[in-house]
Amino acid sequence: MTSLPLLLGNVLTILQSHPACKKIIRIETREFSPDQFYCKIRAALSGTIKLQVRLYYNRGHIDYAYQVFADFPLCRWDNKEEFRSLPSYPHHYHDNQGFVKASPLTGDPITDIQKVLQEISRLAKLENL
């Protein structure tokens, strides 16, 4: 069991401590009940590039989307239940070319956000962001 304050606090702490994240803003939080809530957070990365974290917790299950974007989407990890042919179903990754690939994420926001930030750092080095 987790709570909105606990989950939000942990995610904010991870984002605030990562060197790629400049300014972190809570966009929206909603608590429907103690075991059903939603949060959306944005972190400025480089220039106009941002990371948006959306988490929806419902009785132990977490739906997530981690999207990197500028004026347009650059990439996204999510677990919307589509792409059943992927070995990581329902977890998947949308790249900047529109291709969908398997994802290493598991639905644990604390572990997943760190993997996302590692990949953002790797991509930033490749793209000189």
C-alpha atoms as a PDB file:
ATOM      1  CA  MET A   1       0.000   0.000   0.000  1.00  0.00           C
ATOM      2  CA  THR A   2       1.205   3.498  -0.782  1.00  0.00           C
ATOM      3  CA  SER A   3      -0.263   6.954  -0.455  1.00  0.00           C
ATOM      4  CA  LEU A   4      -0.297  10.055  -2.618  1.00  0.00           C
ATOM      5  CA  PRO A   5       2.026  12.010  -0.279  1.00  0.00           C
ATOM      6  CA  LEU A   6       4.486   9.102  -0.064  1.00  0.00           C
ATOM      7  CA  LEU A   7       4.589   8.398  -3.801  1.00  0.00           C
ATOM      8  CA  LEU A   8       4.708  12.074  -4.732  1.00  0.00           C
ATOM      9  CA  GLY A   9       7.436  12.772  -2.185  1.00  0.00           C
ATOM     10  CA  ASN A  10       9.600   9.902  -3.412  1.00  0.00           C
ATOM     11  CA  VAL A  11       9.244  10.853  -7.085  1.00  0.00           C
ATOM     12  CA  LEU A  12       9.947  14.538  -6.373  1.00  0.00           C
ATOM     13  CA  THR A  13      13.041  13.630  -4.340  1.00  0.00           C
ATOM     14  CA  ILE A  14      14.422  11.497  -7.182  1.00  0.00           C
ATOM     15  CA  LEU A  15      13.768  14.211  -9.772  1.00  0.00           C
ATOM     16  CA  GLN A  16      15.205  16.991  -7.590  1.00  0.00           C
ATOM     17  CA  SER A  17      18.396  15.033  -6.961  1.00  0.00           C
ATOM     18  CA  HIS A  18      19.062  14.216 -10.624  1.00  0.00           C
ATOM     19  CA  PRO A  19      21.449  16.596 -12.435  1.00  0.00           C
ATOM     20  CA  ALA A  20      19.405  16.514 -15.681  1.00  0.00           C
ATOM     21  CA  CYS A  21      16.317  17.958 -13.938  1.00  0.00           C
ATOM     22  CA  LYS A  22      16.353  21.728 -13.555  1.00  0.00           C
ATOM     23  CA  LYS A  23      12.941  22.953 -12.424  1.00  0.00           C
ATOM     24  CA  ILE A  24      10.330  20.531 -11.103  1.00  0.00           C
ATOM     25  CA  ILE A  25       6.663  21.526 -10.995  1.00  0.00           C
ATOM     26  CA  ARG A  26       3.660  19.652  -9.645  1.00  0.00           C
ATOM     27  CA  ILE A  27       1.069  20.153 -12.380  1.00  0.00           C
ATOM     28  CA  GLU A  28      -1.804  18.261 -10.831  1.00  0.00           C
ATOM     29  CA  THR A  29      -2.620  15.945  -7.938  1.00  0.00           C
ATOM     30  CA  ARG A  30      -5.980  14.365  -7.208  1.00  0.00           C
ATOM     31  CA  GLU A  31      -6.913  11.985  -4.441  1.00  0.00           C
ATOM     32  CA  PHE A  32     -10.148  10.161  -5.160  1.00  0.00           C
ATOM     33  CA  SER A  33      -9.761   7.916  -2.103  1.00  0.00           C
ATOM     34  CA  PRO A  34      -6.815   6.694   0.008  1.00  0.00           C
ATOM     35  CA  ASP A  35      -6.213   3.876  -2.518  1.00  0.00           C
ATOM     36  CA  GLN A  36      -6.990   5.780  -5.725  1.00  0.00           C
ATOM     37  CA  PHE A  37      -5.087   8.907  -6.763  1.00  0.00           C
ATOM     38  CA  TYR A  38      -3.335  10.666  -9.628  1.00  0.00           C
ATOM     39  CA  CYS A  39      -0.361  12.990 -10.026  1.00  0.00           C
ATOM     40  CA  LYS A  40       1.322  14.811 -12.887  1.00  0.00           C
ATOM     41  CA  ILE A  41       4.790  16.344 -12.531  1.00  0.00           C
ATOM     42  CA  ARG A  42       7.027  18.157 -15.025  1.00  0.00           C
ATOM     43  CA  ALA A  43      10.767  18.663 -14.923  1.00  0.00           C
ATOM     44  CA  ALA A  44      12.670  21.056 -17.176  1.00  0.00           C
ATOM     45  CA  LEU A  45      15.618  19.238 -18.722  1.00  0.00           C
ATOM     46  CA  SER A  46      17.583  21.180 -21.352  1.00  0.00           C
ATOM     47  CA  GLY A  47      16.437  24.180 -23.359  1.00  0.00           C
ATOM     48  CA  THR A  48      12.749  23.656 -24.074  1.00  0.00           C
ATOM     49  CA  ILE A  49      12.877  19.906 -23.388  1.00  0.00           C
ATOM     50  CA  LYS A  50      10.789  18.618 -20.484  1.00  0.00           C
ATOM     51  CA  LEU A  51       9.978  15.341 -18.774  1.00  0.00           C
ATOM     52  CA  GLN A  52       6.377  14.756 -17.746  1.00  0.00           C
ATOM     53  CA  VAL A  53       5.542  12.047 -15.206  1.00  0.00           C
ATOM     54  CA  ARG A  54       1.922  10.878 -14.926  1.00  0.00           C
ATOM     55  CA  LEU A  55       1.010   8.268 -12.326  1.00  0.00           C
ATOM     56  CA  TYR A  56      -2.433   6.884 -11.580  1.00  0.00           C
ATOM     57  CA  TYR A  57      -2.646   4.581  -8.564  1.00  0.00           C
ATOM     58  CA  ASN A  58      -5.748   2.420  -8.200  1.00  0.00           C
ATOM     59  CA  ARG A  59      -5.921  -0.201  -5.445  1.00  0.00           C
ATOM     60  CA  GLY A  60      -2.334  -1.374  -5.822  1.00  0.00           C
ATOM     61  CA  HIS A  61      -2.062  -1.026  -9.611  1.00  0.00           C
ATOM     62  CA  ILE A  62      -0.171   1.881 -11.185  1.00  0.00           C
ATOM     63  CA  ASP A  63      -0.755   3.207 -14.694  1.00  0.00           C
ATOM     64  CA  TYR A  64       2.131   5.399 -15.788  1.00  0.00           C
ATOM     65  CA  ALA A  65       3.452   7.561 -18.605  1.00  0.00           C
ATOM     66  CA  TYR A  66       6.891   9.183 -18.679  1.00  0.00           C
ATOM     67  CA  GLN A  67       7.101  11.509 -21.679  1.00  0.00           C
ATOM     68  CA  VAL A  68      10.007  13.598 -22.927  1.00  0.00           C
ATOM     69  CA  PHE A  69       8.844  16.474 -25.110  1.00  0.00           C
ATOM     70  CA  ALA A  70       9.582  19.944 -26.423  1.00  0.00           C
ATOM     71  CA  ASP A  71       6.939  21.453 -28.729  1.00  0.00           C
ATOM     72  CA  PHE A  72       6.321  17.870 -29.842  1.00  0.00           C
ATOM     73  CA  PRO A  73       6.729  14.427 -28.252  1.00  0.00           C
ATOM     74  CA  LEU A  74      10.269  13.023 -28.312  1.00  0.00           C
ATOM     75  CA  CYS A  75       9.726   9.700 -26.550  1.00  0.00           C
ATOM     76  CA  ARG A  76       7.419   8.048 -24.047  1.00  0.00           C
ATOM     77  CA  TRP A  77       7.315   5.018 -21.771  1.00  0.00           C
ATOM     78  CA  ASP A  78       3.887   3.807 -20.660  1.00  0.00           C
ATOM     79  CA  ASN A  79       1.865   0.753 -19.733  1.00  0.00           C
ATOM     80  CA  LYS A  80      -1.379   1.387 -21.593  1.00  0.00           C
ATOM     81  CA  GLU A  81      -2.688  -2.069 -22.411  1.00  0.00           C
ATOM     82  CA  GLU A  82      -1.972  -2.255 -26.122  1.00  0.00           C
ATOM     83  CA  PHE A  83       0.875  -3.770 -28.180  1.00  0.00           C
ATOM     84  CA  ARG A  84       0.202  -7.279 -26.886  1.00  0.00           C
ATOM     85  CA  SER A  85       2.871  -8.734 -29.157  1.00  0.00           C
ATOM     86  CA  LEU A  86       5.714  -7.115 -27.216  1.00  0.00           C
ATOM     87  CA  PRO A  87       7.531  -9.361 -24.731  1.00  0.00           C
ATOM     88  CA  SER A  88       7.330  -6.606 -22.108  1.00  0.00           C
ATOM     89  CA  TYR A  89       3.534  -6.176 -22.468  1.00  0.00           C
ATOM     90  CA  PRO A  90       1.950  -3.975 -21.208  1.00  0.00           C
ATOM     91  CA  HIS A  91       5.141  -1.928 -20.730  1.00  0.00           C
ATOM     92  CA  HIS A  92       6.383  -0.265 -23.921  1.00  0.00           C
ATOM     93  CA  TYR A  93       8.428   2.619 -25.316  1.00  0.00           C
ATOM     94  CA  HIS A  94       7.526   5.055 -28.114  1.00  0.00           C
ATOM     95  CA  ASP A  95      10.630   6.462 -29.830  1.00  0.00           C
ATOM     96  CA  ASN A  96      10.950   9.767 -31.698  1.00  0.00           C
ATOM     97  CA  GLN A  97      10.283   8.053 -35.034  1.00  0.00           C
ATOM     98  CA  GLY A  98       6.911   6.713 -33.912  1.00  0.00           C
ATOM     99  CA  PHE A  99       8.095   3.137 -33.426  1.00  0.00           C
ATOM    100  CA  VAL A 100       6.943   1.155 -30.400  1.00  0.00           C
ATOM    101  CA  LYS A 101       9.427  -1.133 -28.681  1.00  0.00           C
ATOM    102  CA  ALA A 102       9.684  -3.313 -25.599  1.00  0.00           C
ATOM    103  CA  SER A 103      10.420  -1.439 -22.378  1.00  0.00           C
ATOM    104  CA  PRO A 104      12.533  -2.329 -19.341  1.00  0.00           C
ATOM    105  CA  LEU A 105      10.054  -0.600 -17.016  1.00  0.00           C
ATOM    106  CA  THR A 106       7.982  -2.677 -14.596  1.00  0.00           C
ATOM    107  CA  GLY A 107       5.359  -0.364 -13.106  1.00  0.00           C
ATOM    108  CA  ASP A 108       7.312   0.450  -9.927  1.00  0.00           C
ATOM    109  CA  PRO A 109       7.621   4.260 -10.128  1.00  0.00           C
ATOM    110  CA  ILE A 110      10.659   4.482  -7.851  1.00  0.00           C
ATOM    111  CA  THR A 111      12.697   2.064  -9.960  1.00  0.00           C
ATOM    112  CA  ASP A 112      11.193   3.146 -13.274  1.00  0.00           C
ATOM    113  CA  ILE A 113      11.824   6.879 -12.893  1.00  0.00           C
ATOM    114  CA  GLN A 114      15.502   6.126 -12.280  1.00  0.00           C
ATOM    115  CA  LYS A 115      15.666   4.008 -15.465  1.00  0.00           C
ATOM    116  CA  VAL A 116      13.948   6.802 -17.403  1.00  0.00           C
ATOM    117  CA  LEU A 117      16.419   9.376 -16.085  1.00  0.00           C
ATOM    118  CA  GLN A 118      19.352   7.108 -16.991  1.00  0.00           C
ATOM    119  CA  GLU A 119      18.036   6.818 -20.540  1.00  0.00           C
ATOM    120  CA  ILE A 120      17.451  10.576 -20.756  1.00  0.00           C
ATOM    121  CA  SER A 121      21.065  11.165 -19.664  1.00  0.00           C
ATOM    122  CA  ARG A 122      22.299   8.660 -22.244  1.00  0.00           C
ATOM    123  CA  LEU A 123      20.237  10.254 -25.024  1.00  0.00           C
ATOM    124  CA  ALA A 124      21.354  13.745 -23.996  1.00  0.00           C
ATOM    125  CA  LYS A 125      24.994  12.712 -24.410  1.00  0.00           C
ATOM    126  CA  LEU A 126      24.236  11.279 -27.861  1.00  0.00           C
ATOM    127  CA  GLU A 127      22.294  14.363 -28.945  1.00  0.00           C
ATOM    128  CA  ASN A 128      24.494  16.934 -27.154  1.00  0.00           C
ATOM    129  CA  LEU A 129      21.485  18.348 -25.286  1.00  0.00           C
END
